[in-house]
N, C-alpha and C. Protein backbone atom coordinates (compact mmCIF):
# COMPACT_ATOMS: atom_id res chain seq x y z
N MET A 1 44.66 37.09 34.49
CA MET A 1 44.70 35.66 34.23
C MET A 1 43.28 35.11 34.19
N GLU A 2 43.04 34.21 33.27
CA GLU A 2 41.73 33.60 33.16
C GLU A 2 41.49 32.66 34.32
N SER A 3 40.23 32.50 34.65
CA SER A 3 39.89 31.52 35.67
C SER A 3 39.94 30.13 35.04
N ASN A 4 39.96 29.13 35.89
CA ASN A 4 39.95 27.75 35.42
C ASN A 4 38.73 27.51 34.52
N LYS A 5 37.62 28.13 34.87
CA LYS A 5 36.38 27.98 34.08
C LYS A 5 36.59 28.49 32.65
N GLU A 6 37.30 29.58 32.49
CA GLU A 6 37.56 30.12 31.15
C GLU A 6 38.53 29.26 30.36
N VAL A 7 39.53 28.70 31.05
CA VAL A 7 40.47 27.79 30.38
C VAL A 7 39.70 26.56 29.88
N ILE A 8 38.81 26.04 30.72
CA ILE A 8 37.98 24.90 30.31
C ILE A 8 37.14 25.27 29.10
N SER A 9 36.58 26.47 29.12
CA SER A 9 35.77 26.93 27.98
C SER A 9 36.60 26.99 26.70
N ASP A 10 37.83 27.50 26.81
CA ASP A 10 38.74 27.56 25.66
C ASP A 10 39.01 26.16 25.12
N LEU A 11 39.31 25.23 26.03
CA LEU A 11 39.61 23.86 25.60
C LEU A 11 38.39 23.20 24.97
N LYS A 12 37.22 23.48 25.52
CA LYS A 12 36.00 22.91 24.94
C LYS A 12 35.73 23.51 23.55
N GLU A 13 36.08 24.77 23.36
CA GLU A 13 35.93 25.37 22.04
C GLU A 13 36.85 24.67 21.04
N LEU A 14 38.09 24.42 21.45
CA LEU A 14 39.01 23.69 20.57
C LEU A 14 38.51 22.28 20.31
N LEU A 15 37.96 21.64 21.34
CA LEU A 15 37.40 20.30 21.17
C LEU A 15 36.28 20.31 20.13
N SER A 16 35.44 21.31 20.18
CA SER A 16 34.36 21.44 19.21
C SER A 16 34.92 21.60 17.80
N ILE A 17 35.95 22.41 17.66
CA ILE A 17 36.58 22.63 16.35
C ILE A 17 37.24 21.35 15.84
N VAL A 18 37.90 20.64 16.72
CA VAL A 18 38.54 19.38 16.35
C VAL A 18 37.48 18.36 15.90
N ASN A 19 36.38 18.31 16.64
CA ASN A 19 35.30 17.40 16.25
C ASN A 19 34.67 17.83 14.93
N ASP A 20 34.55 19.15 14.71
CA ASP A 20 34.07 19.64 13.42
C ASP A 20 34.98 19.12 12.30
N GLY A 21 36.28 19.21 12.53
CA GLY A 21 37.24 18.74 11.54
C GLY A 21 37.09 17.25 11.27
N LYS A 22 36.94 16.48 12.34
CA LYS A 22 36.77 15.03 12.20
C LYS A 22 35.53 14.73 11.36
N GLU A 23 34.43 15.36 11.71
CA GLU A 23 33.18 15.12 10.98
C GLU A 23 33.26 15.66 9.55
N GLY A 24 33.94 16.79 9.38
CA GLY A 24 34.11 17.33 8.04
C GLY A 24 34.91 16.40 7.15
N TYR A 25 35.99 15.85 7.70
CA TYR A 25 36.80 14.91 6.93
C TYR A 25 36.01 13.63 6.62
N GLU A 26 35.22 13.16 7.58
CA GLU A 26 34.41 11.97 7.32
C GLU A 26 33.40 12.25 6.20
N SER A 27 32.77 13.43 6.25
CA SER A 27 31.82 13.82 5.19
C SER A 27 32.52 13.93 3.85
N ALA A 28 33.71 14.50 3.85
CA ALA A 28 34.47 14.64 2.61
C ALA A 28 34.82 13.26 2.04
N ALA A 29 35.18 12.33 2.91
CA ALA A 29 35.51 10.97 2.46
C ALA A 29 34.30 10.31 1.81
N GLU A 30 33.12 10.56 2.37
CA GLU A 30 31.90 9.99 1.81
C GLU A 30 31.51 10.66 0.49
N ALA A 31 31.90 11.91 0.31
CA ALA A 31 31.47 12.68 -0.85
C ALA A 31 32.32 12.44 -2.09
N THR A 32 33.46 11.83 -1.93
CA THR A 32 34.33 11.60 -3.09
C THR A 32 34.36 10.12 -3.46
N ASP A 33 34.56 9.87 -4.73
CA ASP A 33 34.71 8.50 -5.21
C ASP A 33 36.18 8.11 -5.36
N LYS A 34 37.07 9.07 -5.18
CA LYS A 34 38.51 8.82 -5.36
C LYS A 34 39.09 8.16 -4.12
N ILE A 35 39.62 6.96 -4.31
CA ILE A 35 40.21 6.20 -3.20
C ILE A 35 41.34 6.98 -2.54
N GLU A 36 42.17 7.65 -3.34
CA GLU A 36 43.29 8.44 -2.80
C GLU A 36 42.77 9.51 -1.84
N LEU A 37 41.75 10.22 -2.25
CA LEU A 37 41.21 11.28 -1.40
C LEU A 37 40.52 10.70 -0.18
N GLN A 38 39.81 9.61 -0.35
CA GLN A 38 39.17 8.98 0.80
C GLN A 38 40.21 8.63 1.86
N GLY A 39 41.34 8.09 1.42
CA GLY A 39 42.41 7.73 2.35
C GLY A 39 42.95 8.94 3.09
N VAL A 40 43.17 10.03 2.37
CA VAL A 40 43.67 11.27 3.00
C VAL A 40 42.65 11.79 4.00
N PHE A 41 41.39 11.84 3.59
CA PHE A 41 40.35 12.38 4.47
C PHE A 41 40.18 11.52 5.72
N LEU A 42 40.20 10.21 5.55
CA LEU A 42 40.03 9.32 6.71
C LEU A 42 41.24 9.38 7.64
N LYS A 43 42.42 9.58 7.06
CA LYS A 43 43.63 9.73 7.89
C LYS A 43 43.48 10.94 8.81
N TYR A 44 43.01 12.05 8.26
CA TYR A 44 42.87 13.25 9.07
C TYR A 44 41.65 13.19 10.00
N ALA A 45 40.64 12.44 9.64
CA ALA A 45 39.52 12.23 10.55
C ALA A 45 40.00 11.47 11.80
N ALA A 46 40.84 10.46 11.58
CA ALA A 46 41.39 9.69 12.70
C ALA A 46 42.33 10.56 13.55
N GLN A 47 43.10 11.40 12.89
CA GLN A 47 43.98 12.31 13.61
C GLN A 47 43.17 13.22 14.53
N ARG A 48 42.07 13.77 14.00
CA ARG A 48 41.24 14.68 14.79
C ARG A 48 40.56 13.95 15.94
N ALA A 49 40.22 12.68 15.75
CA ALA A 49 39.66 11.90 16.85
C ALA A 49 40.68 11.76 17.98
N ALA A 50 41.93 11.54 17.62
CA ALA A 50 43.00 11.45 18.62
C ALA A 50 43.20 12.79 19.31
N TYR A 51 43.14 13.89 18.54
CA TYR A 51 43.25 15.23 19.13
C TYR A 51 42.12 15.46 20.13
N ALA A 52 40.94 15.01 19.78
CA ALA A 52 39.79 15.18 20.68
C ALA A 52 40.02 14.45 22.00
N ASP A 53 40.56 13.23 21.91
CA ASP A 53 40.85 12.47 23.13
C ASP A 53 41.85 13.20 24.01
N ASP A 54 42.89 13.77 23.39
CA ASP A 54 43.89 14.52 24.15
C ASP A 54 43.28 15.74 24.82
N LEU A 55 42.44 16.46 24.09
CA LEU A 55 41.80 17.65 24.67
C LEU A 55 40.86 17.26 25.80
N LYS A 56 40.14 16.16 25.64
CA LYS A 56 39.24 15.69 26.70
C LYS A 56 40.03 15.39 27.97
N SER A 57 41.21 14.81 27.80
CA SER A 57 42.06 14.52 28.97
C SER A 57 42.46 15.80 29.70
N HIS A 58 42.81 16.82 28.94
CA HIS A 58 43.20 18.08 29.56
C HIS A 58 42.00 18.79 30.20
N ILE A 59 40.85 18.66 29.60
CA ILE A 59 39.65 19.23 30.21
C ILE A 59 39.37 18.53 31.54
N ALA A 60 39.52 17.22 31.57
CA ALA A 60 39.33 16.46 32.81
C ALA A 60 40.35 16.87 33.86
N THR A 61 41.58 17.12 33.43
CA THR A 61 42.63 17.57 34.35
C THR A 61 42.22 18.87 35.04
N HIS A 62 41.48 19.69 34.32
CA HIS A 62 41.00 20.96 34.88
C HIS A 62 39.69 20.80 35.64
N GLY A 63 39.25 19.56 35.81
CA GLY A 63 38.09 19.29 36.65
C GLY A 63 36.74 19.38 35.96
N ALA A 64 36.72 19.28 34.66
CA ALA A 64 35.44 19.36 33.95
C ALA A 64 35.24 18.12 33.09
N GLU A 65 34.01 17.94 32.63
CA GLU A 65 33.70 16.87 31.72
C GLU A 65 33.68 17.40 30.31
N ALA A 66 34.14 16.60 29.40
CA ALA A 66 34.11 16.97 27.99
C ALA A 66 33.07 16.09 27.30
N ASP A 67 31.87 16.61 27.22
CA ASP A 67 30.78 15.81 26.68
C ASP A 67 30.54 16.06 25.20
N ASN A 68 31.38 16.87 24.57
CA ASN A 68 31.20 17.20 23.15
C ASN A 68 31.77 16.07 22.30
N GLU A 69 30.90 15.29 21.70
CA GLU A 69 31.33 14.21 20.81
C GLU A 69 31.20 14.60 19.35
N SER A 70 30.57 15.74 19.12
CA SER A 70 30.40 16.21 17.75
C SER A 70 30.80 17.66 17.70
N GLY A 71 30.81 18.21 16.53
CA GLY A 71 31.22 19.59 16.35
C GLY A 71 30.14 20.58 16.77
N GLY A 72 30.44 21.83 16.59
CA GLY A 72 29.51 22.89 16.93
C GLY A 72 28.61 23.25 15.76
N VAL A 73 27.80 24.28 15.97
CA VAL A 73 26.86 24.73 14.95
C VAL A 73 27.59 25.16 13.68
N LEU A 74 28.70 25.88 13.83
CA LEU A 74 29.45 26.31 12.65
C LEU A 74 29.99 25.12 11.87
N GLY A 75 30.36 24.06 12.57
CA GLY A 75 30.83 22.86 11.89
C GLY A 75 29.73 22.23 11.07
N VAL A 76 28.52 22.18 11.63
CA VAL A 76 27.39 21.64 10.89
C VAL A 76 27.16 22.47 9.63
N LEU A 77 27.21 23.79 9.78
CA LEU A 77 27.03 24.66 8.62
C LEU A 77 28.13 24.44 7.59
N HIS A 78 29.36 24.27 8.07
CA HIS A 78 30.48 24.05 7.14
C HIS A 78 30.31 22.74 6.39
N ARG A 79 29.92 21.67 7.11
CA ARG A 79 29.71 20.39 6.45
C ARG A 79 28.55 20.47 5.46
N THR A 80 27.51 21.21 5.81
CA THR A 80 26.39 21.40 4.89
C THR A 80 26.87 22.14 3.66
N TRP A 81 27.73 23.13 3.86
CA TRP A 81 28.28 23.87 2.75
C TRP A 81 29.06 22.95 1.83
N ILE A 82 29.81 22.03 2.40
CA ILE A 82 30.55 21.06 1.58
C ILE A 82 29.55 20.28 0.73
N ASP A 83 28.47 19.82 1.33
CA ASP A 83 27.47 19.04 0.59
C ASP A 83 26.86 19.85 -0.54
N ILE A 84 26.50 21.08 -0.26
CA ILE A 84 25.88 21.94 -1.28
C ILE A 84 26.86 22.22 -2.41
N LYS A 85 28.05 22.64 -2.05
CA LYS A 85 29.03 22.98 -3.07
C LYS A 85 29.39 21.76 -3.91
N GLN A 86 29.50 20.61 -3.26
CA GLN A 86 29.81 19.38 -3.96
C GLN A 86 28.72 19.05 -4.97
N ALA A 87 27.48 19.25 -4.60
CA ALA A 87 26.37 18.92 -5.49
C ALA A 87 26.29 19.88 -6.68
N LEU A 88 26.67 21.12 -6.49
CA LEU A 88 26.54 22.12 -7.54
C LEU A 88 27.76 22.25 -8.44
N SER A 89 28.87 21.77 -7.99
CA SER A 89 30.12 22.00 -8.71
C SER A 89 30.40 20.90 -9.72
N SER A 90 30.95 21.31 -10.85
CA SER A 90 31.33 20.31 -11.85
C SER A 90 32.67 19.67 -11.49
N LYS A 91 33.44 20.33 -10.65
CA LYS A 91 34.72 19.78 -10.18
C LYS A 91 34.55 19.42 -8.71
N GLU A 92 33.85 18.37 -8.45
CA GLU A 92 33.43 18.01 -7.09
C GLU A 92 34.60 17.89 -6.12
N ASP A 93 35.60 17.12 -6.48
CA ASP A 93 36.71 16.92 -5.56
C ASP A 93 37.44 18.22 -5.25
N LEU A 94 37.58 19.06 -6.24
CA LEU A 94 38.22 20.35 -6.03
C LEU A 94 37.41 21.20 -5.05
N ALA A 95 36.10 21.19 -5.19
CA ALA A 95 35.23 21.94 -4.28
C ALA A 95 35.34 21.41 -2.85
N ILE A 96 35.40 20.11 -2.70
CA ILE A 96 35.54 19.51 -1.38
C ILE A 96 36.87 19.92 -0.76
N LEU A 97 37.94 19.80 -1.54
CA LEU A 97 39.27 20.17 -1.03
C LEU A 97 39.31 21.64 -0.62
N GLU A 98 38.72 22.51 -1.41
CA GLU A 98 38.71 23.93 -1.08
C GLU A 98 37.91 24.20 0.19
N ALA A 99 36.83 23.46 0.38
CA ALA A 99 36.05 23.61 1.61
C ALA A 99 36.86 23.16 2.83
N VAL A 100 37.63 22.09 2.66
CA VAL A 100 38.49 21.61 3.74
C VAL A 100 39.51 22.68 4.12
N VAL A 101 40.08 23.35 3.12
CA VAL A 101 41.05 24.41 3.38
C VAL A 101 40.42 25.49 4.26
N THR A 102 39.20 25.86 3.97
CA THR A 102 38.50 26.87 4.78
C THR A 102 38.41 26.44 6.23
N GLY A 103 38.04 25.20 6.46
CA GLY A 103 37.94 24.68 7.82
C GLY A 103 39.27 24.63 8.53
N GLU A 104 40.30 24.22 7.82
CA GLU A 104 41.63 24.12 8.43
C GLU A 104 42.17 25.49 8.80
N LYS A 105 41.96 26.47 7.96
CA LYS A 105 42.43 27.82 8.26
C LYS A 105 41.72 28.38 9.50
N ALA A 106 40.44 28.09 9.64
CA ALA A 106 39.70 28.52 10.83
C ALA A 106 40.24 27.84 12.08
N ALA A 107 40.57 26.56 11.97
CA ALA A 107 41.13 25.83 13.12
C ALA A 107 42.48 26.41 13.52
N ILE A 108 43.32 26.71 12.56
CA ILE A 108 44.64 27.28 12.85
C ILE A 108 44.50 28.61 13.58
N GLU A 109 43.54 29.43 13.16
CA GLU A 109 43.31 30.71 13.84
C GLU A 109 42.97 30.51 15.31
N LYS A 110 42.14 29.52 15.62
CA LYS A 110 41.79 29.25 17.02
C LYS A 110 43.00 28.76 17.80
N TYR A 111 43.76 27.86 17.22
CA TYR A 111 44.97 27.39 17.90
C TYR A 111 45.90 28.56 18.17
N ASP A 112 46.08 29.43 17.18
CA ASP A 112 46.96 30.59 17.35
C ASP A 112 46.48 31.47 18.52
N LYS A 113 45.19 31.65 18.61
CA LYS A 113 44.62 32.48 19.68
C LYS A 113 44.99 31.92 21.06
N TYR A 114 44.85 30.62 21.22
CA TYR A 114 45.11 30.04 22.54
C TYR A 114 46.60 29.83 22.81
N ILE A 115 47.37 29.58 21.78
CA ILE A 115 48.82 29.46 21.95
C ILE A 115 49.40 30.82 22.34
N ALA A 116 48.85 31.90 21.81
CA ALA A 116 49.32 33.24 22.15
C ALA A 116 49.06 33.56 23.61
N ASP A 117 48.08 32.92 24.19
CA ASP A 117 47.73 33.11 25.60
C ASP A 117 48.51 32.09 26.44
N TYR A 118 49.83 32.18 26.33
CA TYR A 118 50.73 31.18 26.91
C TYR A 118 50.51 30.98 28.41
N VAL A 119 50.34 32.06 29.15
CA VAL A 119 50.24 31.96 30.62
C VAL A 119 49.05 31.11 31.02
N ASP A 120 47.89 31.39 30.43
CA ASP A 120 46.69 30.68 30.82
C ASP A 120 46.67 29.23 30.32
N HIS A 121 47.41 28.96 29.28
CA HIS A 121 47.39 27.62 28.69
C HIS A 121 48.74 26.92 28.84
N ALA A 122 49.53 27.33 29.81
CA ALA A 122 50.88 26.82 29.97
C ALA A 122 50.92 25.30 30.18
N ASP A 123 49.96 24.75 30.91
CA ASP A 123 50.02 23.32 31.21
C ASP A 123 49.69 22.44 30.00
N HIS A 124 49.16 23.02 28.95
CA HIS A 124 48.87 22.22 27.75
C HIS A 124 49.35 22.91 26.47
N ILE A 125 50.26 23.86 26.61
CA ILE A 125 50.73 24.61 25.45
C ILE A 125 51.44 23.71 24.43
N GLU A 126 52.19 22.73 24.90
CA GLU A 126 52.89 21.83 23.97
C GLU A 126 51.88 20.98 23.20
N LEU A 127 50.82 20.56 23.85
CA LEU A 127 49.76 19.83 23.17
C LEU A 127 49.15 20.70 22.07
N LEU A 128 48.84 21.94 22.40
CA LEU A 128 48.24 22.84 21.43
C LEU A 128 49.18 23.08 20.25
N LYS A 129 50.45 23.28 20.54
CA LYS A 129 51.42 23.50 19.46
C LYS A 129 51.54 22.27 18.57
N ARG A 130 51.55 21.10 19.17
CA ARG A 130 51.67 19.85 18.41
C ARG A 130 50.43 19.64 17.53
N GLN A 131 49.25 19.90 18.11
CA GLN A 131 48.03 19.74 17.33
C GLN A 131 47.96 20.77 16.20
N ARG A 132 48.36 22.01 16.50
CA ARG A 132 48.36 23.05 15.47
C ARG A 132 49.26 22.64 14.31
N LEU A 133 50.43 22.12 14.62
CA LEU A 133 51.36 21.68 13.59
C LEU A 133 50.73 20.58 12.73
N GLY A 134 49.99 19.68 13.35
CA GLY A 134 49.29 18.64 12.60
C GLY A 134 48.25 19.23 11.65
N VAL A 135 47.55 20.27 12.10
CA VAL A 135 46.56 20.93 11.25
C VAL A 135 47.27 21.64 10.09
N VAL A 136 48.38 22.30 10.39
CA VAL A 136 49.16 22.97 9.34
C VAL A 136 49.64 21.95 8.31
N ASP A 137 50.12 20.81 8.77
CA ASP A 137 50.58 19.76 7.85
C ASP A 137 49.43 19.25 6.98
N ALA A 138 48.25 19.07 7.59
CA ALA A 138 47.08 18.64 6.83
C ALA A 138 46.72 19.69 5.78
N LEU A 139 46.72 20.94 6.19
CA LEU A 139 46.40 22.03 5.27
C LEU A 139 47.37 22.02 4.08
N SER A 140 48.63 21.83 4.37
CA SER A 140 49.64 21.79 3.31
C SER A 140 49.37 20.66 2.33
N GLU A 141 49.04 19.49 2.85
CA GLU A 141 48.76 18.35 1.97
C GLU A 141 47.51 18.62 1.13
N ILE A 142 46.49 19.17 1.73
CA ILE A 142 45.25 19.47 1.00
C ILE A 142 45.51 20.52 -0.07
N GLU A 143 46.29 21.54 0.25
CA GLU A 143 46.61 22.57 -0.74
C GLU A 143 47.42 21.98 -1.90
N THR A 144 48.30 21.05 -1.61
CA THR A 144 49.06 20.37 -2.66
C THR A 144 48.12 19.58 -3.57
N LEU A 145 47.13 18.92 -2.98
CA LEU A 145 46.15 18.17 -3.77
C LEU A 145 45.34 19.11 -4.67
N ILE A 146 45.05 20.30 -4.17
CA ILE A 146 44.33 21.28 -4.98
C ILE A 146 45.17 21.71 -6.19
N VAL A 147 46.43 22.00 -5.93
CA VAL A 147 47.32 22.42 -7.02
C VAL A 147 47.40 21.30 -8.07
N GLN A 148 47.52 20.07 -7.63
CA GLN A 148 47.60 18.94 -8.56
C GLN A 148 46.33 18.84 -9.41
N ARG A 149 45.17 19.04 -8.78
CA ARG A 149 43.92 18.92 -9.53
C ARG A 149 43.72 20.07 -10.49
N LYS A 150 44.19 21.25 -10.12
CA LYS A 150 44.05 22.40 -11.01
C LYS A 150 44.98 22.28 -12.21
N ALA A 151 46.05 21.51 -12.05
CA ALA A 151 47.00 21.34 -13.14
C ALA A 151 46.44 20.44 -14.25
N TYR A 152 45.41 19.66 -13.90
CA TYR A 152 44.83 18.74 -14.91
C TYR A 152 43.95 19.46 -15.86
């Protein structure tokens, strides 16, 4: 069984990923001129902010502070990648949407890892499952938007 310190570390890693998602969605909203996409991106940015608050509460329950207000290094790289790809691509919105898919799939993998460790994460497993489902739903909507854009 993991120590409380390791559980806190796991939750902080998820917090970093959630914050990466929030910042990525905010960057995506700024990078597109399409009102429809801006609305979708801002909706999921707000969702991730709420997820971050929930994770911070669970980290506090375990006796630690959650001082991560922004994403991790990989998130910064991912957002930079969105900027670069957006600038170079002739189908800007499609490139942004595809970059979002990459981030969402990475987030789902992390949620799966911690959900599989049911014993160590039992006190917040329902939270993790609920958040994972929200990420899966976001991924589905983004993938649908990609299909729609490729059809044009």
